[in-house]
Protein backbone atom coordinates (compact mmCIF):
# COMPACT_ATOMS: atom_id res chain seq x y z
CA MET A 1 197.54 108.77 200.28
CA ILE A 2 193.90 108.50 199.14
CA GLU A 3 194.79 109.82 195.68
CA LYS A 4 197.62 107.30 195.46
CA ILE A 5 195.21 104.47 196.30
CA LYS A 6 192.71 105.69 193.70
CA ASN A 7 195.41 106.08 191.05
CA ILE A 8 196.73 102.55 191.64
CA ILE A 9 193.21 101.09 191.40
CA ILE A 10 192.38 103.08 188.25
CA LYS A 11 195.66 102.02 186.64
CA GLN A 12 195.02 98.35 187.49
CA VAL A 13 191.40 98.33 186.31
CA HIS A 14 191.56 100.57 183.26
CA TYR A 15 195.10 100.25 181.92
CA ASN A 16 196.52 96.89 183.03
CA ASP A 17 196.14 94.06 180.55
CA ASP A 18 198.16 91.64 182.68
CA GLU A 19 196.27 88.35 182.98
CA ASN A 20 198.13 87.43 186.19
CA ARG A 21 196.00 89.61 188.41
CA GLN A 22 196.90 90.00 192.05
CA ASN A 23 194.54 90.93 194.85
CA PHE A 24 194.10 94.67 195.17
CA SER A 25 195.01 94.36 198.84
CA ASP A 26 198.42 92.90 197.89
CA ILE A 27 199.01 95.45 195.14
CA LEU A 28 198.18 98.39 197.42
CA SER A 29 200.19 97.08 200.37
CA ASN A 30 203.23 96.30 198.25
CA THR A 31 203.14 99.52 196.24
CA LEU A 32 202.49 101.89 199.15
CA HIS A 33 204.50 99.91 201.75
CA LYS A 34 201.64 100.09 204.26
CA ASP A 35 199.47 97.49 205.94
CA TYR A 36 196.26 96.95 203.98
CA SER A 37 194.06 97.30 207.06
CA TYR A 38 195.54 100.77 207.65
CA LEU A 39 194.96 101.76 204.00
CA SER A 40 191.44 100.33 204.04
CA GLY A 41 190.48 102.12 207.23
CA LEU A 42 191.90 105.43 206.04
CA PHE A 43 190.18 105.14 202.66
CA SER A 44 186.80 104.30 204.18
CA GLU A 45 187.07 107.12 206.70
CA VAL A 46 187.92 109.75 204.07
CA GLU A 47 185.83 108.52 201.11
CA GLY A 48 182.84 107.03 202.91
CA ILE A 49 183.07 103.77 200.91
CA THR A 50 185.33 100.76 201.14
CA ILE A 51 188.25 100.13 198.81
CA GLU A 52 186.38 97.04 197.61
CA LYS A 53 183.34 99.13 196.63
CA TYR A 54 185.60 101.66 194.89
CA VAL A 55 187.23 98.81 192.91
CA ILE A 56 183.79 97.46 191.95
CA ASN A 57 182.68 100.93 190.80
CA GLN A 58 185.82 101.26 188.67
CA LYS A 59 185.33 97.79 187.17
CA ILE A 60 181.71 98.55 186.32
CA GLU A 61 182.77 101.75 184.53
CA LYS A 62 185.31 99.72 182.57
CA VAL A 63 182.59 97.17 181.71
CA LYS A 64 180.37 100.03 180.48
CA GLU A 65 183.21 101.31 178.30
CA LEU A 66 183.85 97.86 176.83
CA ILE A 67 180.15 97.22 176.21
CA ILE A 68 179.87 100.53 174.34
CA TYR A 69 182.96 99.76 172.22
CA ASP A 70 181.21 96.49 171.31
CA GLN A 71 184.43 94.66 170.43
CA LEU A 72 184.35 91.98 173.14
CA SER A 73 181.70 89.52 174.25
CA LEU A 74 180.50 89.66 177.84
CA SER A 75 182.48 86.52 178.64
CA GLU A 76 185.66 88.13 177.25
CA ILE A 77 184.97 91.26 179.32
CA ALA A 78 184.42 89.14 182.44
CA PHE A 79 187.71 87.31 181.85
CA GLN A 80 189.63 90.52 181.12
CA LEU A 81 188.46 92.13 184.37
CA GLY A 82 189.05 89.06 186.52
CA TYR A 83 185.45 88.06 187.20
CA SER A 84 184.89 84.40 188.02
CA SER A 85 181.98 84.17 185.56
CA VAL A 86 179.67 86.18 183.32
CA ALA A 87 176.93 85.60 185.89
CA HIS A 88 179.06 87.25 188.61
CA LEU A 89 179.80 90.22 186.37
CA SER A 90 176.12 90.55 185.38
CA THR A 91 174.95 90.39 188.99
CA GLN A 92 177.46 93.02 190.11
CA PHE A 93 176.64 95.20 187.09
CA LYS A 94 172.90 95.10 187.82
CA LYS A 95 173.45 95.71 191.54
CA THR A 96 175.61 98.77 190.78
CA THR A 97 173.77 100.29 187.81
CA GLY A 98 170.25 98.94 188.14
CA LEU A 99 170.51 97.64 184.56
CA THR A 100 171.53 94.35 183.02
CA PRO A 101 174.55 94.54 180.71
CA SER A 102 172.32 93.85 177.68
CA HIS A 103 169.89 96.63 178.64
CA PHE A 104 172.83 98.98 179.20
CA LYS A 105 174.08 98.14 175.71
CA LYS A 106 170.76 99.39 174.33
CA VAL A 107 170.74 102.69 176.28
CA GLY A 108 174.47 103.23 175.80
CA ASN A 109 176.72 106.17 176.48
CA SER A 110 174.27 108.32 178.45
CA LYS A 111 174.81 106.15 181.54
CA ARG A 112 178.61 106.40 181.74
CA ASN A 113 180.34 108.41 184.47
CA PRO A 114 183.67 110.28 184.28
CA LEU A 115 186.35 108.43 186.29
CA ASP A 116 186.87 111.36 188.63
CA LYS A 117 183.15 111.36 189.55
CA ILE A 118 183.03 107.73 190.71
């Protein structure tokens, strides 16, 4: 069940270009036909982090990837990943990585993590 949750989140964050984003809680509940509170509790118990934190970690890795590709502006990246603003993305990025997005852009690829290590 944990692997299914992770796979759904990874698919949504990294491979879904749909602009009509749903809440991850709705996506997980509907896809796995389980109550979200059950899924959330199980995930936290097994993984030691919340589903929300796992989603944030996946989004930040996607932001790193997009920054390195250097094809989108930060505001386009924020929009693509469903952030309410560039400021929100930047704050979450710094909180997670310890770097601002612009500083990360300078140091580049050495700070990326493989998806299975997140």
